[in-house]
Amino acid sequence: MSSGITLLKALGVLVCGALCASALAPPRPPQAGTNAVYKGQPFEYVVRFLAWLGCSTIVVASMAYAVLLVLQATRRATHPVVPYLCPASSHSLDGLSAVNLRFMIGEALVVFGAMLRLLSYRALGDLFTYEIVVKDEHRVVSTGPYAYVRHPSYSGLTALLLGTHLFFFGRGAYVTDCGIEGTPFGILVWVWRVAAPFAVVSCWRRCGIEDAQLRHRFGRAWEEYRLKVQYSLVPLVF
């Protein structure tokens, strides 16, 4: 693999890491005096912890991944820092520099999912919360991605989490090729593997709960919006 392509891959890794952090981090802290209206599943109690843990883990892994790619591209794969960032790399970093289909699909899903999340943040503004809350100033929002599905931020999260799995795991990916699971940081790998599907399933469950809360609050206006935007997560599918 040429040095130029390896450096481009390093840049792609950093961009995806930054996008993941932006799309997973809560856009604003919980408002004082505002109570969540739903606490019906464990996810509601740990959602912010999982968000910050995910941000931290992905940012650190992305930086380590990118540094290794830069060292490989500049022919410094024997640098003393390499065994600390990639314990299983005693032979070569060649595998990490490969740009395979799995990596490209993962990167595309991360970019798509993160951008969809960020557009959802922008469309809702101060109404976007990590907890299920119906505020006094709440209104039915049907602009941006909310014109196509009722819960685009959860669609984006699903794509983003699937993308990070393809991005970091598998042949030629950082976590697998560098043997991270065999290090003390392996616990984070397993936490991520459990937390990611837990978050997706919990968010999908929240779709119906949020719909019920908004239907109760807005009545006919909500029903008109639901008839106009019939799908929760994926147009023409679900």
Protein backbone atom coordinates (compact mmCIF):
# COMPACT_ATOMS: atom_id res chain seq x y z
CA MET A 1 0.00 0.00 0.00
CA SER A 2 1.47 3.39 -0.99
CA SER A 3 2.37 5.93 1.68
CA GLY A 4 -0.08 8.45 0.25
CA ILE A 5 -3.06 6.10 0.56
CA THR A 6 -1.99 5.12 4.08
CA LEU A 7 -1.86 8.80 5.08
CA LEU A 8 -5.31 9.34 3.56
CA LYS A 9 -6.59 6.43 5.61
CA ALA A 10 -5.09 8.01 8.73
CA LEU A 11 -6.94 11.24 7.91
CA GLY A 12 -10.18 9.29 7.38
CA VAL A 13 -9.74 7.60 10.76
CA LEU A 14 -9.31 10.95 12.51
CA VAL A 15 -12.30 12.48 10.72
CA CYS A 16 -14.51 9.54 11.69
CA GLY A 17 -13.29 9.72 15.28
CA ALA A 18 -14.15 13.42 15.46
CA LEU A 19 -17.57 12.86 13.87
CA CYS A 20 -18.35 10.04 16.30
CA ALA A 21 -17.42 12.22 19.27
CA SER A 22 -19.58 15.08 18.00
CA ALA A 23 -22.56 12.85 17.29
CA LEU A 24 -22.43 10.82 20.51
CA ALA A 25 -21.70 13.59 23.01
CA PRO A 26 -24.84 15.07 24.61
CA PRO A 27 -25.32 18.45 22.88
CA ARG A 28 -26.31 20.11 26.15
CA PRO A 29 -26.48 19.21 29.85
CA PRO A 30 -29.79 18.26 31.47
CA GLN A 31 -31.73 21.37 32.41
CA ALA A 32 -32.05 22.12 36.09
CA GLY A 33 -35.57 21.63 37.36
CA THR A 34 -36.62 19.61 34.31
CA ASN A 35 -37.74 16.08 35.10
CA ALA A 36 -37.70 13.24 32.62
CA VAL A 37 -41.17 11.88 31.98
CA TYR A 38 -40.01 8.31 31.38
CA LYS A 39 -37.77 5.98 33.38
CA GLY A 40 -39.09 2.68 32.11
CA GLN A 41 -35.83 0.98 31.09
CA PRO A 42 -32.26 0.87 32.44
CA PHE A 43 -31.02 2.87 29.45
CA GLU A 44 -32.62 6.03 30.85
CA TYR A 45 -30.31 5.92 33.85
CA VAL A 46 -27.04 5.31 32.02
CA VAL A 47 -27.52 7.06 28.68
CA ARG A 48 -25.16 9.96 29.42
CA PHE A 49 -22.53 7.67 30.94
CA LEU A 50 -22.61 5.45 27.84
CA ALA A 51 -22.38 8.51 25.59
CA TRP A 52 -19.27 9.86 27.29
CA LEU A 53 -17.67 6.40 27.56
CA GLY A 54 -18.30 5.85 23.85
CA CYS A 55 -16.87 9.25 22.94
CA SER A 56 -13.72 8.71 25.00
CA THR A 57 -13.12 5.17 23.75
CA ILE A 58 -13.60 6.03 20.07
CA VAL A 59 -11.47 9.17 20.22
CA VAL A 60 -8.55 7.38 21.92
CA ALA A 61 -8.79 4.38 19.57
CA SER A 62 -8.97 6.65 16.51
CA MET A 63 -5.91 8.62 17.59
CA ALA A 64 -3.91 5.43 18.22
CA TYR A 65 -5.04 4.00 14.88
CA ALA A 66 -4.08 7.18 13.02
CA VAL A 67 -0.67 7.45 14.71
CA LEU A 68 0.17 3.88 13.69
CA LEU A 69 -0.85 4.58 10.11
CA VAL A 70 1.31 7.70 9.98
CA LEU A 71 4.28 5.76 11.37
CA GLN A 72 3.72 3.05 8.77
CA ALA A 73 3.48 5.61 5.95
CA THR A 74 6.68 7.36 7.05
CA ARG A 75 8.55 4.06 7.39
CA ARG A 76 8.89 4.30 11.16
CA ALA A 77 6.99 1.16 12.09
CA THR A 78 9.76 0.27 14.56
CA HIS A 79 9.22 3.44 16.61
CA PRO A 80 9.32 2.70 20.39
CA VAL A 81 5.70 3.81 20.81
CA VAL A 82 4.35 1.14 18.45
CA PRO A 83 4.29 -1.81 20.93
CA TYR A 84 2.25 0.33 23.35
CA LEU A 85 -0.32 1.31 20.73
CA CYS A 86 -0.35 -2.03 18.93
CA PRO A 87 0.88 -4.90 21.13
CA ALA A 88 0.44 -7.52 18.39
CA SER A 89 2.46 -5.58 15.81
CA SER A 90 5.87 -7.13 16.38
CA HIS A 91 5.94 -8.38 12.82
CA SER A 92 4.42 -5.57 10.73
CA LEU A 93 1.82 -2.81 10.49
CA ASP A 94 1.06 -3.69 6.88
CA GLY A 95 -2.38 -5.07 7.73
CA LEU A 96 -3.54 -1.80 9.23
CA SER A 97 -2.74 0.17 6.10
CA ALA A 98 -5.08 -1.89 3.90
CA VAL A 99 -8.18 -0.06 2.63
CA ASN A 100 -10.63 -2.93 2.24
CA LEU A 101 -14.36 -3.02 1.60
CA ARG A 102 -15.17 -3.49 5.29
CA PHE A 103 -13.28 -0.32 6.19
CA MET A 104 -14.92 1.72 3.42
CA ILE A 105 -18.45 0.58 4.35
CA GLY A 106 -17.73 1.28 8.01
CA GLU A 107 -16.42 4.76 7.26
CA ALA A 108 -19.43 5.53 5.04
CA LEU A 109 -21.84 4.42 7.78
CA VAL A 110 -20.02 6.47 10.41
CA VAL A 111 -20.13 9.60 8.26
CA PHE A 112 -23.78 9.08 7.33
CA GLY A 113 -24.87 8.26 10.87
CA ALA A 114 -22.96 11.13 12.45
CA MET A 115 -24.23 13.68 9.96
CA LEU A 116 -27.82 12.48 10.46
CA ARG A 117 -27.41 12.85 14.22
CA LEU A 118 -25.93 16.33 13.89
CA LEU A 119 -28.72 17.41 11.53
CA SER A 120 -31.23 16.11 14.09
CA TYR A 121 -29.52 18.18 16.81
CA ARG A 122 -29.76 21.23 14.57
CA ALA A 123 -33.42 20.69 13.65
CA LEU A 124 -34.54 20.32 17.26
CA GLY A 125 -32.20 22.87 18.81
CA ASP A 126 -32.86 23.24 22.55
CA LEU A 127 -35.64 20.67 22.33
CA PHE A 128 -33.11 17.84 21.80
CA THR A 129 -32.45 15.99 25.07
CA TYR A 130 -30.87 12.67 25.96
CA GLU A 131 -33.72 12.02 28.37
CA ILE A 132 -37.37 11.66 27.33
CA VAL A 133 -38.71 15.07 28.33
CA VAL A 134 -41.69 17.05 27.09
CA LYS A 135 -40.97 20.71 27.80
CA ASP A 136 -43.39 23.61 28.10
CA GLU A 137 -41.97 25.09 24.90
CA HIS A 138 -42.13 21.79 23.02
CA ARG A 139 -43.59 21.76 19.52
CA VAL A 140 -43.93 19.27 16.69
CA VAL A 141 -40.83 19.58 14.49
CA SER A 142 -41.18 18.42 10.89
CA THR A 143 -38.14 20.04 9.27
CA GLY A 144 -34.74 18.66 8.34
CA PRO A 145 -34.48 14.87 8.74
CA TYR A 146 -37.75 14.91 10.72
CA ALA A 147 -39.53 15.43 7.40
CA TYR A 148 -38.59 11.86 6.40
CA VAL A 149 -38.64 9.80 9.62
CA ARG A 150 -39.92 10.57 13.11
CA HIS A 151 -36.75 9.51 14.96
CA PRO A 152 -33.77 10.28 12.69
CA SER A 153 -31.33 10.66 15.56
CA TYR A 154 -31.87 6.98 16.43
CA SER A 155 -31.47 6.02 12.77
CA GLY A 156 -28.17 7.89 12.77
CA LEU A 157 -27.05 6.25 15.98
CA THR A 158 -27.74 2.79 14.57
CA ALA A 159 -25.72 3.51 11.41
CA LEU A 160 -22.90 5.07 13.43
CA LEU A 161 -22.56 2.16 15.85
CA LEU A 162 -22.63 -0.39 13.05
CA GLY A 163 -20.02 1.66 11.20
CA THR A 164 -17.67 1.79 14.19
CA HIS A 165 -17.88 -1.99 14.54
CA LEU A 166 -16.89 -2.47 10.88
CA PHE A 167 -14.30 0.27 11.24
CA PHE A 168 -12.43 -1.04 14.28
CA PHE A 169 -13.03 -4.81 14.17
CA GLY A 170 -12.14 -7.45 11.61
CA ARG A 171 -9.13 -8.22 9.46
CA GLY A 172 -6.99 -5.14 8.90
CA ALA A 173 -8.79 -3.15 11.63
CA TYR A 174 -7.16 -1.64 14.69
CA VAL A 175 -8.77 -3.60 17.55
CA THR A 176 -8.39 -6.98 15.84
CA ASP A 177 -4.97 -6.63 14.22
CA CYS A 178 -3.38 -4.99 17.25
CA GLY A 179 -4.74 -7.54 19.72
CA ILE A 180 -6.36 -4.94 21.96
CA GLU A 181 -8.64 -7.56 23.52
CA GLY A 182 -5.56 -9.23 25.01
CA THR A 183 -4.52 -6.07 26.87
CA PRO A 184 -5.94 -4.43 30.02
CA PHE A 185 -8.03 -2.28 27.66
CA GLY A 186 -9.81 -5.40 26.45
CA ILE A 187 -12.53 -4.75 29.04
CA LEU A 188 -13.48 -1.62 27.10
CA VAL A 189 -13.80 -3.69 23.95
CA TRP A 190 -16.31 -6.00 25.60
CA VAL A 191 -18.15 -3.11 27.23
CA TRP A 192 -18.47 -1.53 23.78
CA ARG A 193 -19.69 -4.79 22.24
CA VAL A 194 -22.41 -5.08 24.87
CA ALA A 195 -23.26 -1.38 25.17
CA ALA A 196 -23.67 -0.76 21.43
CA PRO A 197 -26.53 -3.25 20.81
CA PHE A 198 -28.02 -2.33 24.21
CA ALA A 199 -28.15 1.32 23.14
CA VAL A 200 -29.67 0.51 19.74
CA VAL A 201 -32.41 -1.74 21.17
CA SER A 202 -33.16 0.81 23.90
CA CYS A 203 -33.45 3.65 21.40
CA TRP A 204 -35.75 1.62 19.19
CA ARG A 205 -37.96 0.98 22.22
CA ARG A 206 -38.01 4.69 22.92
CA CYS A 207 -39.58 5.41 19.52
CA GLY A 208 -43.02 4.20 20.59
CA ILE A 209 -42.66 5.78 24.03
CA GLU A 210 -41.78 9.18 22.61
CA ASP A 211 -44.61 8.92 20.08
CA ALA A 212 -47.07 8.24 22.90
CA GLN A 213 -45.82 11.20 24.94
CA LEU A 214 -46.07 13.57 21.99
CA ARG A 215 -49.49 12.23 21.00
CA HIS A 216 -50.71 12.90 24.53
CA ARG A 217 -49.26 16.41 24.51
CA PHE A 218 -50.19 17.60 21.01
CA GLY A 219 -53.15 15.45 20.05
CA ARG A 220 -54.39 16.20 16.54
CA ALA A 221 -51.23 18.08 15.51
CA TRP A 222 -49.17 15.00 16.31
CA GLU A 223 -51.58 12.67 14.50
CA GLU A 224 -51.34 14.85 11.39
CA TYR A 225 -47.56 14.71 11.55
CA ARG A 226 -47.61 10.91 12.04
CA LEU A 227 -49.83 10.49 8.99
CA LYS A 228 -47.46 12.67 6.97
CA VAL A 229 -44.29 10.96 8.26
CA GLN A 230 -45.31 7.34 8.65
CA TYR A 231 -41.95 5.72 9.37
CA SER A 232 -40.02 5.79 12.62
CA LEU A 233 -36.47 5.01 11.51
CA VAL A 234 -36.15 3.98 7.87
CA PRO A 235 -38.30 5.41 5.03
CA LEU A 236 -40.52 2.78 3.38
CA VAL A 237 -39.31 0.11 5.83
CA PHE A 238 -39.97 0.89 9.50
